[in-house]
Amino acid sequence: MHDLIQELTHIVGASHVLVEGDLSAYVMDWRKRETGKALCVVRPANTQEVSQVIKACAAKGVSIVPQGGNTGLVVGSIPDNSGQQVLLNMQRMNRIRHIDKANATITAEAGCVLQVLQQAAQAENFLYPLSLGSEGSCTLGGNLSTNAGGTQVIRYGNTRDLCLGLEVVTATGEIWEGLTGLRKDNTGYDLRDLFVGAEGTLGIITAATMKLYPQPRAKLTAWASLPHLQASVDLLHLSQQHLGAGLTGFEVMGQFSLSLVDKHFAQLRVPLWKEAPYCVLLENSDTESEQHARTQFETLLEAAAEKGFITDAVVAENLTQANNLWHIRESITLAQAVEGLNIKHDISLPVSAIVQFVEETEKKLSEQIPGMQLVNFGHLGDGNLHFNVQAPNDVDPQVFLQTYEDVVNTLVYQSVSQFGGSISAEHGVGSLKVDTLVDYKDPVALGLMRSIKRALDPHNTLNPHRVVRV
């Protein structure tokens, strides 16, 4: 292996092949649940270097784990414990290559941080709509590899929907130059969609061309308390009728979720949470004017109150207030972490099935684990819930996780399957769910996925034992 490290050093430079020292930022997953061990961490500066690194590793039979900002939640971007895998960190490849104003596209490298991408678009009076809680550190390559969702999927779709073209290095080190800005290209198989969502198991994304949108003239945010969960579904339908494509955010948050934010981040001053079992955060992006947007919002909230869908509401008066409301929503995950280890689920369901799913699954969980606490929140507009289970107050979180994780996961995933949902909505499969997937994915689909993996990566060089085992 010393020969390989020397070769990699020759390719990327000695300062970008890390073997010793504190490598925890690279080999520990974001949730700090698992820590791997790498043969070395390699940080390439360009696509040619990625190609050469892959060729060198493939020749030695050494597998590669690609990594962006290491913000993933399914243990898919850190090495295993063997000390025999090369970690390929893409953060040096962070340039924005081109903004095509006439075509409304932006081309950037895989290591470009999402927030930088947003700011570059804004500087040219465009909107890059992908928005995540980790946008200050997650990268474009990671977003594409996991098909990240976020808070504006209801209007703009997942990362896959924003992507027009890719540049990819294959498992043999070949470079596919697919950075097209075309919105129509019907010339055979859509190779782009093979690599988006593949979590680096089929090829290494090195750059991408993404869609841009006009900046809205106004963006208003409202926070409403609801009498029950069914009211959130009713309010969603009513909001879609009143706002149409202007509805760019619709987040539901359970009372216990918000109580954790109030407990651990009291300075955020969570509104209305004590008054209702659920709250909703809505965003209206208008292309006309702020007055038009505000009139739309007021009309919607009045209609919702008349129908009994909401019990109270506040509308942000300025950008600072709006950002504070979104900060509260994004702080739920952080508040959970402070509270203690919990059992997380990133699931999706038909919106029409969400209420019955929550009611029945919560009842089953309570019967199995008296006193368990449900941290239920998520992107209701696209059917994505973060349905997390916290330990009872008198149970140590670590003990709870060790004792009940398998029981809870089985119960929740079986219920998700019963209601026609997915066990991974926006976080991916990684290694955390790779063995669970076989119980809930159609066998024919799994067979096709394995066939694709074998065809594109016959020697299992790229991120092995993630997504599917072959």
Protein backbone atom coordinates (compact mmCIF):
# COMPACT_ATOMS: atom_id res chain seq x y z
CA MET A 1 0.00 0.00 0.00
CA HIS A 2 3.00 2.26 0.44
CA ASP A 3 3.48 2.24 -3.33
CA LEU A 4 -0.12 3.37 -3.84
CA ILE A 5 0.24 6.23 -1.34
CA GLN A 6 3.39 7.35 -3.15
CA GLU A 7 1.55 7.28 -6.48
CA LEU A 8 -1.38 9.27 -5.06
CA THR A 9 1.08 11.78 -3.61
CA HIS A 10 2.59 12.21 -7.06
CA ILE A 11 -0.88 12.84 -8.52
CA VAL A 12 -2.31 15.39 -6.06
CA GLY A 13 0.72 16.59 -4.09
CA ALA A 14 2.06 15.58 -0.68
CA SER A 15 -0.02 18.13 1.24
CA HIS A 16 -3.23 16.62 -0.14
CA VAL A 17 -2.65 13.00 0.82
CA LEU A 18 -3.42 12.76 4.53
CA VAL A 19 -2.24 9.67 6.39
CA GLU A 20 -1.49 10.79 9.93
CA GLY A 21 -2.89 13.25 12.46
CA ASP A 22 -6.48 13.96 13.45
CA LEU A 23 -8.63 12.76 10.53
CA SER A 24 -11.90 12.69 12.48
CA ALA A 25 -13.43 15.40 10.26
CA TYR A 26 -13.15 12.92 7.40
CA VAL A 27 -13.68 9.51 8.98
CA MET A 28 -16.43 10.23 11.55
CA ASP A 29 -20.02 10.53 10.33
CA TRP A 30 -21.98 13.72 11.01
CA ARG A 31 -24.14 12.14 13.72
CA LYS A 32 -20.98 10.85 15.45
CA ARG A 33 -22.40 7.35 15.53
CA GLU A 34 -19.63 5.67 13.56
CA THR A 35 -15.94 6.25 12.90
CA GLY A 36 -14.02 4.54 10.13
CA LYS A 37 -10.35 4.21 9.30
CA ALA A 38 -8.90 5.25 5.94
CA LEU A 39 -5.75 4.09 4.22
CA CYS A 40 -5.40 7.79 3.38
CA VAL A 41 -7.48 10.87 2.60
CA VAL A 42 -6.92 12.20 -0.93
CA ARG A 43 -8.02 15.70 -1.94
CA PRO A 44 -7.89 16.19 -5.73
CA ALA A 45 -7.95 19.65 -7.31
CA ASN A 46 -9.49 18.82 -10.69
CA THR A 47 -11.23 16.18 -12.74
CA GLN A 48 -8.03 14.86 -14.29
CA GLU A 49 -6.63 14.20 -10.84
CA VAL A 50 -9.81 12.33 -9.87
CA SER A 51 -9.41 10.20 -12.97
CA GLN A 52 -5.80 9.39 -12.18
CA VAL A 53 -6.61 8.58 -8.54
CA ILE A 54 -9.33 6.14 -9.59
CA LYS A 55 -7.07 4.46 -12.13
CA ALA A 56 -4.31 4.08 -9.54
CA CYS A 57 -6.66 2.61 -6.92
CA ALA A 58 -8.38 0.31 -9.41
CA ALA A 59 -5.01 -1.05 -10.53
CA LYS A 60 -4.18 -1.97 -6.92
CA GLY A 61 -7.66 -3.34 -6.17
CA VAL A 62 -8.27 -0.66 -3.55
CA SER A 63 -11.80 0.70 -3.08
CA ILE A 64 -12.66 4.40 -2.95
CA VAL A 65 -15.16 6.24 -0.74
CA PRO A 66 -16.16 9.63 -2.19
CA GLN A 67 -17.00 12.46 0.20
CA GLY A 68 -18.30 16.02 -0.07
CA GLY A 69 -19.07 18.01 3.07
CA ASN A 70 -19.54 14.87 5.19
CA THR A 71 -22.99 16.00 6.28
CA GLY A 72 -24.75 12.77 5.29
CA LEU A 73 -27.03 10.97 7.74
CA VAL A 74 -26.85 7.36 6.54
CA VAL A 75 -23.13 6.60 6.98
CA GLY A 76 -22.47 6.64 3.26
CA SER A 77 -19.42 8.87 2.97
CA ILE A 78 -16.91 7.60 5.52
CA PRO A 79 -14.57 4.59 5.14
CA ASP A 80 -15.12 1.27 6.85
CA ASN A 81 -12.88 0.06 9.69
CA SER A 82 -10.46 -1.92 7.52
CA GLY A 83 -7.94 0.88 6.99
CA GLN A 84 -7.74 -0.29 3.37
CA GLN A 85 -10.02 2.24 1.65
CA VAL A 86 -9.02 5.55 0.08
CA LEU A 87 -11.25 8.45 1.09
CA LEU A 88 -11.67 10.81 -1.87
CA ASN A 89 -12.64 14.20 -0.45
CA MET A 90 -13.90 16.62 -3.13
CA GLN A 91 -13.84 19.91 -1.23
CA ARG A 92 -10.90 21.40 -3.17
CA MET A 93 -12.94 21.12 -6.37
CA ASN A 94 -15.14 24.06 -5.44
CA ARG A 95 -15.12 26.44 -8.42
CA ILE A 96 -18.15 27.89 -10.12
CA ARG A 97 -17.19 27.38 -13.73
CA HIS A 98 -19.87 29.30 -15.59
CA ILE A 99 -23.21 31.08 -15.26
CA ASP A 100 -25.22 31.17 -18.49
CA LYS A 101 -27.75 33.96 -17.95
CA ALA A 102 -29.59 33.46 -21.23
CA ASN A 103 -29.96 29.74 -20.56
CA ALA A 104 -30.62 30.25 -16.81
CA THR A 105 -28.02 27.67 -15.73
CA ILE A 106 -25.02 27.48 -13.44
CA THR A 107 -22.14 25.03 -13.82
CA ALA A 108 -20.12 24.27 -10.70
CA GLU A 109 -17.74 21.66 -9.38
CA ALA A 110 -18.78 18.93 -6.99
CA GLY A 111 -17.04 20.46 -3.96
CA CYS A 112 -18.86 23.77 -4.25
CA VAL A 113 -20.71 24.46 -0.99
CA LEU A 114 -24.46 24.84 -1.46
CA GLN A 115 -24.55 28.28 0.18
CA VAL A 116 -21.82 29.53 -2.18
CA LEU A 117 -23.88 28.27 -5.10
CA GLN A 118 -26.95 30.10 -3.80
CA GLN A 119 -24.99 33.33 -3.34
CA ALA A 120 -23.42 33.14 -6.81
CA ALA A 121 -26.86 32.79 -8.34
CA GLN A 122 -28.24 35.65 -6.24
CA ALA A 123 -25.39 37.93 -7.34
CA GLU A 124 -26.66 37.52 -10.90
CA ASN A 125 -30.28 38.09 -9.79
CA PHE A 126 -31.17 34.41 -10.04
CA LEU A 127 -32.46 31.89 -7.53
CA TYR A 128 -30.87 28.49 -6.96
CA PRO A 129 -33.74 27.02 -4.94
CA LEU A 130 -32.23 24.03 -3.14
CA SER A 131 -32.30 24.84 0.57
CA LEU A 132 -31.11 22.55 3.38
CA GLY A 133 -30.28 22.95 7.05
CA SER A 134 -26.67 21.99 6.24
CA GLU A 135 -26.32 24.40 3.30
CA GLY A 136 -23.32 26.12 4.89
CA SER A 137 -21.22 22.96 4.60
CA CYS A 138 -22.88 20.41 2.30
CA THR A 139 -21.65 20.30 -1.30
CA LEU A 140 -23.16 20.06 -4.76
CA GLY A 141 -21.68 16.62 -5.36
CA GLY A 142 -23.16 15.30 -2.14
CA ASN A 143 -26.52 16.91 -2.91
CA LEU A 144 -26.58 15.17 -6.29
CA SER A 145 -25.28 11.85 -5.00
CA THR A 146 -28.05 11.64 -2.40
CA ASN A 147 -30.67 13.47 -4.49
CA ALA A 148 -31.14 15.89 -1.58
CA GLY A 149 -34.59 17.39 -1.00
CA GLY A 150 -34.96 20.20 1.51
CA THR A 151 -37.62 22.80 2.12
CA GLN A 152 -38.64 23.87 -1.40
CA VAL A 153 -39.26 20.52 -3.09
CA ILE A 154 -42.97 21.30 -3.22
CA ARG A 155 -42.23 23.97 -5.86
CA TYR A 156 -38.86 23.16 -7.44
CA GLY A 157 -38.38 19.43 -6.88
CA ASN A 158 -35.42 17.46 -5.55
CA THR A 159 -31.81 18.00 -6.65
CA ARG A 160 -32.41 15.56 -9.53
CA ASP A 161 -35.07 17.90 -10.90
CA LEU A 162 -32.62 20.82 -10.85
CA CYS A 163 -29.86 18.98 -12.70
CA LEU A 164 -29.41 19.25 -16.48
CA GLY A 165 -25.95 17.78 -16.99
CA LEU A 166 -23.06 16.06 -15.26
CA GLU A 167 -19.35 15.51 -15.53
CA VAL A 168 -18.52 12.08 -14.09
CA VAL A 169 -15.42 9.96 -13.66
CA THR A 170 -16.28 6.28 -14.07
CA ALA A 171 -14.99 3.32 -12.06
CA THR A 172 -12.30 2.78 -14.72
CA GLY A 173 -11.15 6.40 -14.62
CA GLU A 174 -12.81 7.51 -17.86
CA ILE A 175 -14.34 10.99 -17.92
CA TRP A 176 -17.90 11.41 -19.17
CA GLU A 177 -18.32 14.98 -20.41
CA GLY A 178 -22.05 15.46 -19.99
CA LEU A 179 -22.27 19.08 -18.85
CA THR A 180 -25.10 19.95 -21.18
CA GLY A 181 -27.44 22.82 -20.41
CA LEU A 182 -30.16 21.26 -22.54
CA ARG A 183 -33.65 20.87 -21.20
CA LYS A 184 -34.51 18.48 -24.02
CA ASP A 185 -32.13 15.75 -25.19
CA ASN A 186 -33.81 12.56 -26.29
CA THR A 187 -30.76 10.69 -27.59
CA GLY A 188 -30.94 7.44 -25.69
CA TYR A 189 -30.62 6.43 -22.05
CA ASP A 190 -30.56 9.26 -19.55
CA LEU A 191 -27.15 8.59 -18.02
CA ARG A 192 -27.50 11.58 -15.73
CA ASP A 193 -30.21 9.86 -13.75
CA LEU A 194 -28.01 6.82 -13.16
CA PHE A 195 -25.50 8.86 -11.19
CA VAL A 196 -27.88 11.23 -9.36
CA GLY A 197 -28.96 9.46 -6.18
CA ALA A 198 -26.39 6.65 -6.59
CA GLU A 199 -24.31 7.85 -3.59
CA GLY A 200 -21.03 7.52 -5.47
CA THR A 201 -21.45 3.79 -6.13
CA LEU A 202 -21.52 4.08 -9.94
CA GLY A 203 -19.22 7.02 -10.67
CA ILE A 204 -17.73 10.14 -9.10
CA ILE A 205 -19.59 13.34 -9.95
CA THR A 206 -17.00 16.08 -10.50
CA ALA A 207 -19.20 18.91 -11.84
CA ALA A 208 -22.81 19.65 -12.76
CA THR A 209 -24.95 22.09 -14.70
CA MET A 210 -27.98 23.14 -12.65
CA LYS A 211 -31.15 25.12 -13.36
CA LEU A 212 -31.62 28.67 -12.15
CA TYR A 213 -34.88 30.55 -11.62
CA PRO A 214 -35.87 34.23 -11.46
CA GLN A 215 -35.62 35.79 -8.02
CA PRO A 216 -39.11 36.28 -6.56
CA ARG A 217 -40.16 39.89 -6.04
CA ALA A 218 -41.49 39.01 -2.61
CA LYS A 219 -41.18 36.13 -0.17
CA LEU A 220 -43.48 35.97 2.83
CA THR A 221 -43.49 33.50 5.69
CA ALA A 222 -46.31 32.56 8.04
CA TRP A 223 -46.48 30.38 11.14
CA ALA A 224 -49.82 28.84 12.11
CA SER A 225 -51.03 26.63 14.96
CA LEU A 226 -53.37 23.76 14.10
CA PRO A 227 -55.96 21.81 16.12
CA HIS A 228 -54.81 18.40 14.77
CA LEU A 229 -52.67 16.79 12.08
CA GLN A 230 -55.54 16.40 9.62
CA ALA A 231 -55.81 20.19 9.57
CA SER A 232 -52.28 20.38 8.13
CA VAL A 233 -53.32 18.28 5.14
CA ASP A 234 -56.47 20.37 4.69
CA LEU A 235 -54.42 23.56 4.95
CA LEU A 236 -51.95 22.26 2.38
CA HIS A 237 -54.71 21.70 -0.17
CA LEU A 238 -56.21 25.11 0.58
CA SER A 239 -52.79 26.78 0.26
CA GLN A 240 -52.20 25.13 -3.11
CA GLN A 241 -55.57 26.42 -4.32
CA HIS A 242 -54.88 30.00 -3.13
CA LEU A 243 -51.15 30.29 -3.89
CA GLY A 244 -50.55 27.83 -6.73
CA ALA A 245 -46.87 27.75 -7.71
CA GLY A 246 -46.24 30.54 -5.19
CA LEU A 247 -46.34 28.00 -2.37
CA THR A 248 -42.62 27.25 -1.97
CA GLY A 249 -42.53 25.89 1.58
CA PHE A 250 -44.90 23.89 3.78
CA GLU A 251 -43.40 22.42 6.95
CA VAL A 252 -45.27 20.62 9.71
CA MET A 253 -43.91 20.41 13.28
CA GLY A 254 -45.28 18.44 16.22
CA GLN A 255 -45.63 20.03 19.62
CA PHE A 256 -42.92 17.90 21.26
CA SER A 257 -40.49 18.78 18.45
CA LEU A 258 -40.99 22.47 19.13
CA SER A 259 -40.81 21.97 22.90
CA LEU A 260 -37.25 20.68 22.45
CA VAL A 261 -36.29 23.84 20.56
CA ASP A 262 -37.91 25.96 23.27
CA LYS A 263 -36.07 23.99 25.95
CA HIS A 264 -32.59 24.10 24.43
CA PHE A 265 -32.74 27.31 22.38
CA ALA A 266 -35.07 29.53 24.37
CA GLN A 267 -33.63 32.65 22.72
CA LEU A 268 -35.41 31.67 19.48
CA ARG A 269 -38.81 32.31 21.11
CA VAL A 270 -40.89 29.62 19.42
CA PRO A 271 -44.38 31.03 18.67
CA LEU A 272 -47.71 29.35 19.42
CA TRP A 273 -46.27 25.91 20.23
CA LYS A 274 -47.93 25.58 23.63
CA GLU A 275 -51.36 26.19 22.16
CA ALA A 276 -51.70 23.36 19.66
CA PRO A 277 -50.51 19.81 18.89
CA TYR A 278 -49.08 20.90 15.54
CA CYS A 279 -47.75 24.03 13.87
CA VAL A 280 -47.10 24.72 10.19
CA LEU A 281 -44.56 27.01 8.53
CA LEU A 282 -45.65 28.31 5.12
CA GLU A 283 -43.74 30.29 2.52
CA ASN A 284 -45.26 32.24 -0.36
CA SER A 285 -42.92 33.44 -3.13
CA ASP A 286 -44.57 35.97 -5.40
CA THR A 287 -43.46 37.22 -8.82
CA GLU A 288 -45.61 40.38 -8.70
CA SER A 289 -45.11 42.40 -5.52
CA GLU A 290 -44.95 42.17 -1.76
CA GLN A 291 -48.40 43.70 -1.45
CA HIS A 292 -49.84 41.08 -3.77
CA ALA A 293 -48.13 38.31 -1.78
CA ARG A 294 -49.38 39.71 1.52
CA THR A 295 -52.94 40.02 0.24
CA GLN A 296 -52.79 36.40 -0.96
CA PHE A 297 -51.50 35.25 2.41
CA GLU A 298 -54.10 37.18 4.40
CA THR A 299 -56.90 35.80 2.23
CA LEU A 300 -55.57 32.28 2.67
CA LEU A 301 -55.26 32.55 6.45
CA GLU A 302 -58.72 34.06 6.80
CA ALA A 303 -60.21 31.21 4.78
CA ALA A 304 -58.25 28.65 6.81
CA ALA A 305 -59.45 30.15 10.09
CA GLU A 306 -63.06 30.15 8.90
CA LYS A 307 -62.79 26.45 8.02
CA GLY A 308 -61.18 25.64 11.39
CA PHE A 309 -57.88 24.53 9.87
CA ILE A 310 -55.84 26.96 11.98
CA THR A 311 -56.34 28.32 15.48
CA ASP A 312 -53.87 31.21 15.28
CA ALA A 313 -51.20 32.57 12.93
CA VAL A 314 -48.40 35.11 12.65
CA VAL A 315 -46.99 36.55 9.44
CA ALA A 316 -43.36 37.67 9.40
CA GLU A 317 -43.16 41.44 8.93
CA ASN A 318 -39.64 41.44 7.50
CA LEU A 319 -36.80 39.21 6.34
CA THR A 320 -35.27 38.98 9.82
CA GLN A 321 -38.49 37.65 11.31
CA ALA A 322 -38.89 35.20 8.42
CA ASN A 323 -35.35 33.92 8.88
CA ASN A 324 -35.99 33.49 12.60
CA LEU A 325 -39.04 31.34 11.90
CA TRP A 326 -37.06 29.16 9.51
CA HIS A 327 -34.24 28.98 12.03
CA ILE A 328 -36.66 27.55 14.58
CA ARG A 329 -37.72 24.84 12.12
CA GLU A 330 -34.11 24.00 11.24
CA SER A 331 -33.14 23.86 14.92
CA ILE A 332 -35.33 20.85 15.68
CA THR A 333 -32.59 18.43 14.63
CA LEU A 334 -30.01 20.30 16.73
CA ALA A 335 -32.34 20.32 19.73
CA GLN A 336 -32.78 16.56 19.41
CA ALA A 337 -29.03 16.11 19.43
CA VAL A 338 -28.73 18.12 22.65
CA GLU A 339 -31.58 16.15 24.22
CA GLY A 340 -29.79 12.86 23.54
CA LEU A 341 -29.50 10.01 21.09
CA ASN A 342 -32.72 9.11 19.31
CA ILE A 343 -33.99 6.77 16.63
CA LYS A 344 -34.32 8.68 13.36
CA HIS A 345 -36.48 7.96 10.33
CA ASP A 346 -36.49 9.82 7.03
CA ILE A 347 -39.64 8.51 5.38
CA SER A 348 -42.04 9.53 2.65
CA LEU A 349 -45.72 8.73 2.21
CA PRO A 350 -48.60 9.78 0.00
CA VAL A 351 -49.88 12.97 1.60
CA SER A 352 -53.31 11.37 1.75
CA ALA A 353 -51.94 8.59 4.00
CA ILE A 354 -49.93 10.68 6.46
CA VAL A 355 -52.59 11.25 9.11
CA GLN A 356 -53.60 7.59 9.36
CA PHE A 357 -49.96 6.49 9.30
CA VAL A 358 -49.02 8.80 12.18
CA GLU A 359 -52.03 7.86 14.29
CA GLU A 360 -51.61 4.11 13.87
CA THR A 361 -47.82 4.05 14.12
CA GLU A 362 -47.70 6.31 17.17
CA LYS A 363 -50.24 4.05 18.90
CA LYS A 364 -48.16 0.92 18.14
CA LEU A 365 -44.98 2.59 19.37
CA SER A 366 -46.66 3.69 22.61
CA GLU A 367 -47.87 0.14 23.23
CA GLN A 368 -44.37 -1.26 22.67
CA ILE A 369 -42.53 1.51 24.57
CA PRO A 370 -44.67 3.29 27.17
CA GLY A 371 -43.54 6.87 27.61
CA MET A 372 -41.69 7.10 24.29
CA GLN A 373 -41.67 10.62 22.83
CA LEU A 374 -42.33 11.26 19.16
CA VAL A 375 -40.35 13.97 17.38
CA ASN A 376 -42.50 14.30 14.28
CA PHE A 377 -41.76 17.05 11.75
CA GLY A 378 -40.95 17.47 8.08
CA HIS A 379 -41.78 18.60 4.60
CA LEU A 380 -45.49 17.85 4.51
CA GLY A 381 -45.85 19.49 1.10
CA ASP A 382 -43.97 16.59 -0.53
CA GLY A 383 -44.95 13.85 1.94
CA ASN A 384 -41.57 13.66 3.72
CA LEU A 385 -41.61 13.17 7.50
CA HIS A 386 -38.71 12.99 9.93
CA PHE A 387 -40.45 10.58 12.25
CA ASN A 388 -38.03 10.25 15.17
CA VAL A 389 -38.42 8.46 18.47
CA GLN A 390 -36.92 9.88 21.68
CA ALA A 391 -36.42 7.91 24.87
CA PRO A 392 -38.90 8.17 27.77
CA ASN A 393 -37.85 10.76 30.32
CA ASP A 394 -36.65 8.15 32.83
CA VAL A 395 -34.57 6.11 30.32
CA ASP A 396 -30.96 6.83 29.36
CA PRO A 397 -30.87 7.74 25.62
CA GLN A 398 -27.84 5.52 24.95
CA VAL A 399 -29.50 2.52 26.58
CA PHE A 400 -32.74 3.30 24.76
CA LEU A 401 -30.98 3.35 21.39
CA GLN A 402 -29.18 0.06 22.01
CA THR A 403 -32.30 -1.66 23.35
CA TYR A 404 -35.02 -0.46 21.01
CA GLU A 405 -33.51 0.66 17.69
CA ASP A 406 -34.19 -2.58 15.82
CA VAL A 407 -37.66 -2.94 17.31
CA VAL A 408 -38.63 0.64 16.47
CA ASN A 409 -37.16 0.55 12.97
CA THR A 410 -38.99 -2.66 12.12
CA LEU A 411 -42.29 -1.31 13.40
CA VAL A 412 -41.96 2.03 11.60
CA TYR A 413 -40.71 0.59 8.30
CA GLN A 414 -43.41 -2.07 8.20
CA SER A 415 -45.99 0.65 8.74
CA VAL A 416 -44.40 2.81 6.02
CA SER A 417 -44.57 -0.14 3.62
CA GLN A 418 -48.19 -0.83 4.55
CA PHE A 419 -49.13 2.73 3.57
CA GLY A 420 -47.21 2.66 0.28
CA GLY A 421 -44.28 4.81 1.41
CA SER A 422 -40.48 4.77 1.25
CA ILE A 423 -37.98 4.12 4.06
CA SER A 424 -35.66 6.80 2.67
CA ALA A 425 -37.11 10.06 1.41
CA GLU A 426 -34.13 12.41 1.06
CA HIS A 427 -31.17 11.11 3.08
CA GLY A 428 -30.29 8.09 0.95
CA VAL A 429 -29.44 4.49 1.85
CA GLY A 430 -25.70 4.52 2.61
CA SER A 431 -24.56 1.65 4.80
CA LEU A 432 -27.15 2.40 7.48
CA LYS A 433 -30.08 1.06 5.45
CA VAL A 434 -28.36 -1.16 2.88
CA ASP A 435 -29.46 -4.39 4.57
CA THR A 436 -32.90 -3.05 5.45
CA LEU A 437 -33.59 -2.09 1.84
CA VAL A 438 -33.86 -5.71 0.72
CA ASP A 439 -36.94 -6.15 2.90
CA TYR A 440 -38.82 -3.18 1.46
CA LYS A 441 -37.63 -2.74 -2.13
CA ASP A 442 -39.21 -4.65 -5.00
CA PRO A 443 -36.98 -7.70 -5.76
CA VAL A 444 -36.99 -6.96 -9.47
CA ALA A 445 -35.88 -3.38 -8.78
CA LEU A 446 -33.08 -4.65 -6.53
CA GLY A 447 -31.97 -7.07 -9.24
CA LEU A 448 -31.83 -4.28 -11.79
CA MET A 449 -29.88 -2.08 -9.39
CA ARG A 450 -27.31 -4.83 -8.83
CA SER A 451 -27.01 -5.39 -12.57
CA ILE A 452 -26.30 -1.69 -13.10
CA LYS A 453 -23.69 -1.72 -10.32
CA ARG A 454 -21.94 -4.75 -11.82
CA ALA A 455 -21.99 -3.25 -15.29
CA LEU A 456 -20.59 0.16 -14.33
CA ASP A 457 -18.32 -0.95 -11.47
CA PRO A 458 -17.48 -4.62 -12.07
CA HIS A 459 -14.69 -4.70 -9.49
CA ASN A 460 -16.75 -2.94 -6.79
CA THR A 461 -14.22 -0.11 -6.55
CA LEU A 462 -16.60 2.77 -5.79
CA ASN A 463 -18.20 3.04 -2.34
CA PRO A 464 -18.74 -0.72 -1.91
CA HIS A 465 -21.49 -2.08 0.33
CA ARG A 466 -23.47 1.12 0.09
CA VAL A 467 -26.98 1.31 -1.45
CA VAL A 468 -26.82 -2.33 -2.70
CA ARG A 469 -24.51 -5.21 -1.91
CA VAL A 470 -23.10 -7.18 -4.86
